[in-house]
Amino acid sequence: MLTHSPIQLVLIALGSCLLLYYIFLSPSNQGCTDDDFGGSKRKGLAYYDMDHPIENTTVNTRMDHVLILTPFKEAAQHIERYFDNVNKLTYPHDHISLGFLVSDSTDGTIEKLQQRAQQAMQTSPWERFHRINIFQKDFAYELASNEDRHAFSVQVKRRQIMAKSRNTLLSAALTQEIDWVLWLDGDVVEYPPSLLEELMGLDKDIVVPNCYWHSYNEEGGYDRNNWQETDQSWEFQRTLKSTDVLVEGYNELITHRKLLLDMRFENDETDLFYTVPLDAVGGTCTLVKAKVHRDGAIFPSFPFQHQVETEGMAKMAKALGYEIFGLPNYLVYHYI
């Protein structure tokens, strides 16, 4: 008679259990279920219908997801106020993601940003953002001083680097659940807490508030990259070479365009949500439907219809058939 020791019996029992597990319970041997497709949780497999975002099957509605994107460069001094402001946004934070790209910084920007982002994700659930991504990439571009960044002579090169920075950030952070992208400069210091729902409620492909600066007793226009073409500006462009790049707001180059800054309260129009069509936008505070970027409106670092960066992106969006609007009377404020 064949006999087994107690140790052999234990080993046989363990082997039998493992065999049963791999046959009946192992994930690799389970058949596909309806849940494996259409919003799949199955590792390595996902399906997304980008024409019809997944809806909540209980109430048949879906809340839009917003991605706020901000490039940072030598910006440690602005990070605290930046997070103070985004934390005040009244749009549900679990439907807001934040994305940052830090480049060419030696002032502690990346360390400060990482610290503040960790704090933001350790708050109560209703205050916590859906996701915060921080990316770092240097472009080996430096100015002699921060004050020189608005000089006319450096604008084209500076804007080309900014275009690369924005494209890098966009390609890294734009995930499939995003419906809107808000481009928000790190040194925009004041805007309404209801900014997101108010701009999204206009349902424009691209929409931009009027960006001003203010002190305790005065204010003025800041973002001159929000503008309309005019008959004179089109006529002027016919004299240019295809490689010529235009920038706004400089006495050295008169483009004959009409700025959003000059449309505030025009013709006694005081409605906060009064909109005007635009041909280009800046990037201080600009809301873009994610599908506009997905369809190919990026930030050209090369001349596109005589523009680069944000204005070039707007020209691309219009070439793709999208519309752009500005809000002359709706203000956000930039650091000055």
Protein backbone atom coordinates (compact mmCIF):
# COMPACT_ATOMS: atom_id res chain seq x y z
CA MET A 1 0.00 0.00 0.00
CA LEU A 2 1.27 3.48 -0.90
CA THR A 3 1.49 5.67 2.18
CA HIS A 4 2.28 9.41 2.62
CA SER A 5 3.88 11.26 5.43
CA PRO A 6 2.01 14.21 7.04
CA ILE A 7 4.34 16.67 5.25
CA GLN A 8 3.54 15.10 1.88
CA LEU A 9 -0.19 15.32 2.57
CA VAL A 10 0.13 19.05 3.38
CA LEU A 11 2.08 19.69 0.18
CA ILE A 12 -0.50 17.79 -1.89
CA ALA A 13 -3.31 19.87 -0.34
CA LEU A 14 -1.52 23.15 -1.05
CA GLY A 15 -0.86 22.10 -4.62
CA SER A 16 -4.51 21.25 -5.15
CA CYS A 17 -5.58 24.66 -3.83
CA LEU A 18 -3.19 26.46 -6.16
CA LEU A 19 -4.43 24.44 -9.14
CA LEU A 20 -8.06 25.28 -8.37
CA TYR A 21 -7.18 28.98 -8.03
CA TYR A 22 -5.49 29.19 -11.42
CA ILE A 23 -8.33 27.31 -13.10
CA PHE A 24 -11.30 29.16 -11.62
CA LEU A 25 -10.18 32.38 -9.92
CA SER A 26 -7.07 33.70 -11.65
CA PRO A 27 -7.76 37.03 -13.49
CA SER A 28 -5.95 35.72 -16.56
CA ASN A 29 -8.52 32.90 -16.86
CA GLN A 30 -11.69 34.87 -16.23
CA GLY A 31 -13.86 35.56 -19.26
CA CYS A 32 -14.51 39.11 -20.45
CA THR A 33 -17.57 40.76 -18.97
CA ASP A 34 -19.61 43.73 -20.12
CA ASP A 35 -17.56 45.91 -17.77
CA ASP A 36 -14.36 45.09 -19.60
CA PHE A 37 -15.28 47.53 -22.38
CA GLY A 38 -16.76 51.03 -22.43
CA GLY A 39 -14.90 52.65 -19.53
CA SER A 40 -12.92 49.51 -18.82
CA LYS A 41 -11.21 48.92 -15.50
CA ARG A 42 -9.34 45.96 -16.96
CA LYS A 43 -5.60 46.53 -16.77
CA GLY A 44 -4.10 47.39 -20.14
CA LEU A 45 -7.43 47.75 -21.94
CA ALA A 46 -9.65 50.81 -22.21
CA TYR A 47 -12.32 52.08 -24.58
CA TYR A 48 -13.44 55.72 -24.84
CA ASP A 49 -16.10 57.14 -27.11
CA MET A 50 -14.78 60.70 -27.43
CA ASP A 51 -17.89 61.81 -29.33
CA HIS A 52 -20.13 60.77 -26.45
CA PRO A 53 -18.55 61.18 -22.99
CA ILE A 54 -19.57 58.58 -20.43
CA GLU A 55 -22.74 59.67 -18.65
CA ASN A 56 -23.89 59.03 -15.10
CA THR A 57 -26.42 56.24 -15.60
CA THR A 58 -28.39 57.25 -12.50
CA VAL A 59 -29.29 60.82 -13.39
CA ASN A 60 -28.23 60.81 -17.07
CA THR A 61 -25.98 63.82 -16.56
CA ARG A 62 -22.25 64.30 -16.44
CA MET A 63 -20.37 67.21 -14.87
CA ASP A 64 -17.63 68.64 -17.09
CA HIS A 65 -14.03 68.19 -16.04
CA VAL A 66 -11.69 71.20 -16.19
CA LEU A 67 -7.91 71.11 -16.52
CA ILE A 68 -6.13 74.25 -15.33
CA LEU A 69 -2.69 74.54 -16.93
CA THR A 70 0.04 76.90 -15.74
CA PRO A 71 3.64 77.23 -16.93
CA PHE A 72 6.00 78.46 -14.19
CA LYS A 73 9.42 80.05 -14.57
CA GLU A 74 11.21 81.73 -11.65
CA ALA A 75 7.81 82.05 -9.97
CA ALA A 76 8.30 80.99 -6.35
CA GLN A 77 6.93 84.31 -5.10
CA HIS A 78 3.56 83.73 -6.82
CA ILE A 79 2.81 80.15 -5.80
CA GLU A 80 1.20 80.84 -2.43
CA ARG A 81 -1.29 83.32 -3.86
CA TYR A 82 -1.91 81.08 -6.87
CA PHE A 83 -3.11 78.25 -4.63
CA ASP A 84 -5.06 80.62 -2.40
CA ASN A 85 -7.02 81.67 -5.50
CA VAL A 86 -7.64 78.25 -7.05
CA ASN A 87 -8.72 76.94 -3.65
CA LYS A 88 -11.46 79.59 -3.65
CA LEU A 89 -12.93 78.42 -6.95
CA THR A 90 -16.56 77.43 -6.41
CA TYR A 91 -16.65 74.81 -9.18
CA PRO A 92 -16.49 71.34 -7.56
CA HIS A 93 -12.82 70.61 -6.98
CA ASP A 94 -13.18 66.91 -7.70
CA HIS A 95 -13.89 67.95 -11.30
CA ILE A 96 -10.80 70.16 -11.52
CA SER A 97 -7.30 68.93 -12.32
CA LEU A 98 -4.18 71.09 -12.14
CA GLY A 99 -1.14 70.77 -14.38
CA PHE A 100 2.15 72.66 -14.07
CA LEU A 101 5.34 72.87 -16.07
CA VAL A 102 8.37 74.35 -14.32
CA SER A 103 11.26 75.39 -16.55
CA ASP A 104 14.59 77.18 -16.19
CA SER A 105 14.07 78.14 -12.54
CA THR A 106 16.67 78.56 -9.81
CA ASP A 107 14.59 80.40 -7.22
CA GLY A 108 13.04 77.33 -5.58
CA THR A 109 9.93 77.28 -7.76
CA ILE A 110 9.83 73.50 -8.10
CA GLU A 111 10.34 72.87 -4.38
CA LYS A 112 7.73 75.46 -3.39
CA LEU A 113 5.25 74.10 -5.92
CA GLN A 114 5.70 70.50 -4.75
CA GLN A 115 5.21 71.53 -1.14
CA ARG A 116 2.09 73.57 -1.85
CA ALA A 117 0.61 70.87 -4.10
CA GLN A 118 1.05 68.26 -1.37
CA GLN A 119 -0.81 70.52 1.06
CA ALA A 120 -3.61 70.99 -1.46
CA MET A 121 -4.08 67.23 -1.78
CA GLN A 122 -4.18 66.70 1.99
CA THR A 123 -7.30 68.79 2.52
CA SER A 124 -10.84 67.54 3.14
CA PRO A 125 -12.42 65.57 0.26
CA TRP A 126 -14.68 68.39 -0.91
CA GLU A 127 -11.69 70.77 -1.21
CA ARG A 128 -9.36 68.27 -2.88
CA PHE A 129 -8.61 68.51 -6.59
CA HIS A 130 -9.06 65.49 -8.81
CA ARG A 131 -5.40 65.42 -9.82
CA ILE A 132 -2.28 67.60 -9.63
CA ASN A 133 0.56 66.90 -12.05
CA ILE A 134 3.89 68.70 -11.90
CA PHE A 135 6.30 68.42 -14.83
CA GLN A 136 9.78 69.84 -15.11
CA LYS A 137 11.58 70.58 -18.38
CA ASP A 138 14.25 73.17 -19.05
CA PHE A 139 14.62 75.01 -22.36
CA ALA A 140 17.98 76.66 -21.58
CA TYR A 141 16.48 80.11 -22.06
CA GLU A 142 17.40 82.93 -19.73
CA LEU A 143 16.95 86.69 -19.75
CA ALA A 144 19.43 89.11 -18.25
CA SER A 145 16.75 90.04 -15.72
CA ASN A 146 13.07 89.29 -15.18
CA GLU A 147 12.24 92.92 -16.02
CA ASP A 148 13.59 92.40 -19.57
CA ARG A 149 10.93 89.85 -20.49
CA HIS A 150 8.62 92.50 -21.95
CA ALA A 151 11.30 94.17 -24.09
CA PHE A 152 10.39 94.31 -27.76
CA SER A 153 13.73 92.84 -28.87
CA VAL A 154 13.20 89.53 -27.04
CA GLN A 155 9.52 88.97 -27.71
CA VAL A 156 9.66 86.57 -30.66
CA LYS A 157 12.32 84.31 -29.09
CA ARG A 158 10.61 84.43 -25.69
CA ARG A 159 7.22 83.60 -27.19
CA GLN A 160 8.72 80.70 -29.17
CA ILE A 161 10.06 79.20 -25.95
CA MET A 162 6.69 79.77 -24.26
CA ALA A 163 5.00 77.95 -27.15
CA LYS A 164 7.23 74.91 -26.60
CA SER A 165 6.52 75.07 -22.87
CA ARG A 166 2.75 75.17 -23.38
CA ASN A 167 2.80 72.34 -25.92
CA THR A 168 4.87 70.17 -23.60
CA LEU A 169 2.48 70.80 -20.72
CA LEU A 170 -0.63 70.26 -22.84
CA SER A 171 0.56 66.97 -24.33
CA ALA A 172 1.57 65.64 -20.90
CA ALA A 173 -1.52 66.68 -18.95
CA LEU A 174 -4.50 66.42 -21.36
CA THR A 175 -6.14 63.14 -20.37
CA GLN A 176 -9.29 61.62 -21.85
CA GLU A 177 -11.74 62.88 -19.20
CA ILE A 178 -10.94 66.58 -19.78
CA ASP A 179 -13.68 68.74 -21.34
CA TRP A 180 -12.18 72.21 -20.86
CA VAL A 181 -8.67 73.64 -20.53
CA LEU A 182 -8.12 76.88 -18.63
CA TRP A 183 -4.77 78.48 -19.36
CA LEU A 184 -3.98 80.53 -16.27
CA ASP A 185 -0.78 82.49 -15.76
CA GLY A 186 0.90 81.96 -12.44
CA ASP A 187 0.95 85.71 -11.80
CA VAL A 188 -2.76 86.34 -12.37
CA VAL A 189 -3.52 87.53 -8.86
CA GLU A 190 -7.27 88.17 -8.77
CA TYR A 191 -10.36 86.71 -10.43
CA PRO A 192 -13.92 85.79 -9.37
CA PRO A 193 -14.28 82.48 -7.48
CA SER A 194 -17.12 81.71 -9.92
CA LEU A 195 -14.78 82.10 -12.91
CA LEU A 196 -15.07 78.54 -14.22
CA GLU A 197 -18.83 78.11 -14.18
CA GLU A 198 -19.33 81.61 -15.62
CA LEU A 199 -16.94 81.13 -18.53
CA MET A 200 -18.05 77.55 -19.20
CA GLY A 201 -21.68 78.68 -19.10
CA LEU A 202 -21.07 80.82 -22.20
CA ASP A 203 -20.31 77.61 -24.13
CA LYS A 204 -17.75 79.20 -26.47
CA ASP A 205 -14.97 77.31 -28.23
CA ILE A 206 -12.46 79.79 -26.83
CA VAL A 207 -13.31 82.65 -24.49
CA VAL A 208 -11.10 85.12 -22.67
CA PRO A 209 -11.79 87.74 -19.99
CA ASN A 210 -10.19 91.17 -20.15
CA CYS A 211 -6.90 91.10 -18.23
CA TYR A 212 -6.04 94.29 -16.34
CA TRP A 213 -3.68 95.29 -13.54
CA HIS A 214 -4.55 97.47 -10.58
CA SER A 215 -3.02 99.08 -7.53
CA TYR A 216 -4.73 100.66 -4.56
CA ASN A 217 -5.87 103.69 -6.58
CA GLU A 218 -5.41 103.02 -10.30
CA GLU A 219 -5.72 100.32 -12.96
CA GLY A 220 -4.72 99.70 -16.53
CA GLY A 221 -4.76 97.16 -19.34
CA TYR A 222 -2.33 94.24 -19.25
CA ASP A 223 -2.91 91.51 -21.85
CA ARG A 224 -2.59 93.03 -25.33
CA ASN A 225 -2.70 89.69 -27.10
CA ASN A 226 -6.53 89.60 -27.17
CA TRP A 227 -7.51 91.42 -30.37
CA GLN A 228 -9.53 91.78 -33.54
CA GLU A 229 -8.14 92.19 -37.03
CA THR A 230 -9.15 95.37 -38.89
CA ASP A 231 -9.13 96.40 -42.54
CA GLN A 232 -5.90 98.27 -41.84
CA SER A 233 -4.26 95.30 -40.14
CA TRP A 234 -5.11 92.99 -43.04
CA GLU A 235 -3.73 95.54 -45.48
CA PHE A 236 -0.53 95.82 -43.43
CA GLN A 237 -0.06 92.04 -43.38
CA ARG A 238 -0.12 91.90 -47.17
CA THR A 239 3.21 93.76 -47.09
CA LEU A 240 4.91 91.13 -44.88
CA LYS A 241 6.99 88.08 -45.66
CA SER A 242 5.54 84.75 -44.56
CA THR A 243 8.28 84.43 -41.91
CA ASP A 244 7.54 87.79 -40.27
CA VAL A 245 6.09 87.57 -36.75
CA LEU A 246 3.87 90.27 -35.25
CA VAL A 247 3.66 91.19 -31.56
CA GLU A 248 1.25 93.63 -29.99
CA GLY A 249 1.58 96.69 -27.79
CA TYR A 250 4.91 98.13 -28.99
CA ASN A 251 5.65 101.50 -30.56
CA GLU A 252 8.30 99.78 -32.66
CA LEU A 253 5.59 97.83 -34.49
CA ILE A 254 2.14 99.23 -35.23
CA THR A 255 -0.15 96.41 -36.35
CA HIS A 256 -3.42 98.41 -36.59
CA ARG A 257 -5.41 95.80 -34.65
CA LYS A 258 -8.17 96.54 -32.17
CA LEU A 259 -7.41 95.35 -28.65
CA LEU A 260 -9.91 93.87 -26.22
CA LEU A 261 -8.46 96.27 -23.66
CA ASP A 262 -9.93 99.16 -25.65
CA MET A 263 -13.43 97.67 -25.84
CA ARG A 264 -14.33 97.93 -22.15
CA PHE A 265 -17.64 99.79 -21.78
CA GLU A 266 -17.53 100.58 -25.51
CA ASN A 267 -20.76 102.18 -26.77
CA ASP A 268 -21.93 102.31 -23.12
CA GLU A 269 -22.15 98.51 -23.02
CA THR A 270 -21.85 97.50 -19.36
CA ASP A 271 -23.13 93.91 -19.37
CA LEU A 272 -20.57 91.76 -17.58
CA PHE A 273 -21.12 88.86 -19.99
CA TYR A 274 -21.25 90.89 -23.20
CA THR A 275 -19.05 89.09 -25.76
CA VAL A 276 -17.21 90.28 -28.84
CA PRO A 277 -15.62 88.13 -31.57
CA LEU A 278 -11.82 87.99 -31.52
CA ASP A 279 -9.13 86.80 -33.89
CA ALA A 280 -6.44 86.07 -31.28
CA VAL A 281 -5.97 85.59 -27.56
CA GLY A 282 -3.25 85.77 -24.95
CA GLY A 283 -2.67 83.15 -22.30
CA THR A 284 -3.16 84.99 -19.03
CA CYS A 285 -6.64 83.53 -18.47
CA THR A 286 -8.09 81.70 -21.47
CA LEU A 287 -10.72 78.95 -21.50
CA VAL A 288 -10.54 76.47 -24.39
CA LYS A 289 -12.78 73.52 -25.15
CA ALA A 290 -10.53 70.49 -24.99
CA LYS A 291 -11.73 69.33 -28.41
CA VAL A 292 -10.17 72.46 -29.93
CA HIS A 293 -6.73 71.36 -28.76
CA ARG A 294 -7.42 67.72 -29.66
CA ASP A 295 -8.33 68.76 -33.20
CA GLY A 296 -4.89 70.32 -33.65
CA ALA A 297 -4.90 73.87 -32.25
CA ILE A 298 -1.51 73.92 -30.54
CA PHE A 299 0.92 76.74 -29.80
CA PRO A 300 3.19 77.18 -32.82
CA SER A 301 6.80 78.06 -32.12
CA PHE A 302 7.09 78.84 -35.85
CA PRO A 303 5.32 81.65 -37.72
CA PHE A 304 1.71 80.72 -38.43
CA GLN A 305 -0.15 83.53 -40.22
CA HIS A 306 2.47 85.89 -38.73
CA GLN A 307 1.88 84.72 -35.15
CA VAL A 308 3.46 82.41 -32.60
CA GLU A 309 2.36 80.95 -29.24
CA THR A 310 -1.13 81.89 -27.97
CA GLU A 311 -2.00 84.15 -30.89
CA GLY A 312 -0.79 81.44 -33.26
CA MET A 313 -2.97 78.90 -31.44
CA ALA A 314 -5.97 81.18 -31.95
CA LYS A 315 -5.20 81.50 -35.66
CA MET A 316 -4.98 77.70 -35.87
CA ALA A 317 -8.30 77.32 -34.06
CA LYS A 318 -9.99 79.69 -36.48
CA ALA A 319 -8.46 77.82 -39.43
CA LEU A 320 -10.04 74.67 -37.98
CA GLY A 321 -13.46 76.36 -37.93
CA TYR A 322 -13.69 77.31 -34.25
CA GLU A 323 -14.84 80.67 -32.90
CA ILE A 324 -13.15 82.95 -30.36
CA PHE A 325 -14.79 85.48 -28.07
CA GLY A 326 -13.68 88.05 -25.55
CA LEU A 327 -15.44 89.58 -22.55
CA PRO A 328 -14.56 93.30 -22.52
CA ASN A 329 -16.25 94.01 -19.18
CA TYR A 330 -15.32 90.84 -17.28
CA LEU A 331 -11.98 91.50 -15.58
CA VAL A 332 -9.20 89.42 -14.13
CA TYR A 333 -6.10 91.08 -12.70
CA HIS A 334 -2.44 90.42 -13.36
CA TYR A 335 0.56 91.08 -11.13
CA ILE A 336 2.36 94.27 -12.08
